[in-house]
Amino acid sequence: MSQIDTAKIRRESLRWLVLLTLNNARPIGAYEGPILSVAQSEYPDATALELRREMDYLFDRKLIDLKKEPSGRWFADLTRYGTDIAEYTIDCAPGIARPAKYW
């Protein structure tokens, strides 16, 4: 009997939400506050630390650029690859819960 890994599903879904949010914020990008608001619309208990972990993951995969300001705020924007993932123009490697293309 297999168990559903809800923590993994949540992490991967949050990553997809970050990509979608930043795709909608193009070409300006967004601070973490509005991104967290979007995440909390899906996961009301989502925290800033949890969001930062997933944003850091996306940064390591070169899907977003991160500017960690001296004030402590984070600013994010999509890279070319992040845009391609959000727009379904390239394949999405495991680790992001991108739904199957439906058109």
Protein backbone atom coordinates (compact mmCIF):
# COMPACT_ATOMS: atom_id res chain seq x y z
CA MET A 1 0.00 0.00 0.00
CA SER A 2 1.54 3.33 -1.01
CA GLN A 3 1.32 6.47 1.05
CA ILE A 4 0.73 9.89 -0.42
CA ASP A 5 3.63 12.23 0.35
CA THR A 6 1.63 15.37 1.12
CA ALA A 7 4.75 17.39 2.03
CA LYS A 8 6.25 16.66 -1.40
CA ILE A 9 2.99 17.55 -3.16
CA ARG A 10 2.84 20.81 -1.22
CA ARG A 11 6.47 21.77 -2.01
CA GLU A 12 6.08 21.05 -5.71
CA SER A 13 2.72 22.85 -5.88
CA LEU A 14 4.16 25.92 -4.16
CA ARG A 15 6.97 26.00 -6.73
CA TRP A 16 4.42 25.96 -9.54
CA LEU A 17 2.43 28.75 -7.86
CA VAL A 18 5.61 30.86 -7.59
CA LEU A 19 6.31 30.39 -11.30
CA LEU A 20 2.73 31.27 -12.26
CA THR A 21 2.71 34.33 -10.01
CA LEU A 22 5.97 35.61 -11.45
CA ASN A 23 4.76 34.91 -14.98
CA ASN A 24 1.77 37.14 -14.27
CA ALA A 25 4.08 39.78 -12.76
CA ARG A 26 6.25 39.99 -15.88
CA PRO A 27 8.13 42.04 -16.90
CA ILE A 28 8.47 43.67 -13.48
CA GLY A 29 8.83 40.75 -11.06
CA ALA A 30 7.52 40.76 -7.50
CA TYR A 31 8.51 40.98 -3.87
CA GLU A 32 7.90 37.93 -1.73
CA GLY A 33 4.88 39.49 0.03
CA PRO A 34 2.49 39.32 -2.93
CA ILE A 35 3.87 35.89 -3.86
CA LEU A 36 3.15 34.69 -0.32
CA SER A 37 -0.40 36.05 -0.59
CA VAL A 38 -0.95 33.91 -3.69
CA ALA A 39 0.56 30.87 -1.96
CA GLN A 40 -1.72 31.43 1.03
CA SER A 41 -4.77 31.46 -1.22
CA GLU A 42 -4.00 27.78 -1.89
CA TYR A 43 -2.29 26.94 1.41
CA PRO A 44 -3.60 29.31 4.12
CA ASP A 45 -0.92 28.14 6.58
CA ALA A 46 1.99 28.78 4.18
CA THR A 47 4.82 30.71 5.85
CA ALA A 48 7.40 33.17 4.58
CA LEU A 49 10.17 30.70 5.46
CA GLU A 50 8.46 27.90 3.53
CA LEU A 51 8.06 30.20 0.52
CA ARG A 52 11.71 31.26 0.70
CA ARG A 53 12.81 27.61 0.66
CA GLU A 54 10.88 26.97 -2.53
CA MET A 55 12.04 30.24 -4.12
CA ASP A 56 15.63 29.27 -3.28
CA TYR A 57 15.04 25.88 -4.95
CA LEU A 58 13.76 27.61 -8.10
CA PHE A 59 16.77 29.95 -8.01
CA ASP A 60 19.15 26.97 -7.79
CA ARG A 61 17.44 25.50 -10.86
CA LYS A 62 17.94 28.83 -12.71
CA LEU A 63 14.19 29.31 -13.12
CA ILE A 64 14.02 32.56 -11.15
CA ASP A 65 16.40 35.37 -10.27
CA LEU A 66 16.46 36.41 -6.62
CA LYS A 67 17.58 39.69 -5.16
CA LYS A 68 18.02 39.41 -1.40
CA GLU A 69 17.95 43.03 -0.28
CA PRO A 70 19.85 44.34 2.77
CA SER A 71 16.48 45.24 4.30
CA GLY A 72 15.67 41.52 4.41
CA ARG A 73 13.09 41.55 1.59
CA TRP A 74 13.42 39.20 -1.35
CA PHE A 75 12.59 40.23 -4.91
CA ALA A 76 12.06 37.61 -7.61
CA ASP A 77 11.72 37.54 -11.37
CA LEU A 78 11.51 34.74 -13.91
CA THR A 79 14.51 33.77 -16.00
CA ARG A 80 14.10 32.75 -19.61
CA TYR A 81 13.85 29.12 -18.50
CA GLY A 82 11.26 29.94 -15.86
CA THR A 83 9.15 31.69 -18.46
CA ASP A 84 9.46 28.70 -20.78
CA ILE A 85 8.33 26.34 -17.99
CA ALA A 86 5.35 28.59 -17.13
CA GLU A 87 4.38 28.88 -20.80
CA TYR A 88 4.77 25.14 -21.52
CA THR A 89 7.38 25.71 -24.26
CA ILE A 90 9.92 23.32 -22.71
CA ASP A 91 9.68 20.10 -20.72
CA CYS A 92 9.43 20.39 -16.96
CA ALA A 93 11.82 18.20 -14.98
CA PRO A 94 10.54 16.57 -11.76
CA GLY A 95 10.28 18.78 -8.69
CA ILE A 96 7.58 21.16 -9.92
CA ALA A 97 3.89 20.23 -9.96
CA ARG A 98 3.16 21.66 -13.39
CA PRO A 99 -0.15 20.22 -14.61
CA ALA A 100 -0.30 18.46 -17.95
CA LYS A 101 -0.88 20.80 -20.88
CA TYR A 102 -4.57 20.76 -21.65
CA TRP A 103 -4.72 22.45 -25.06
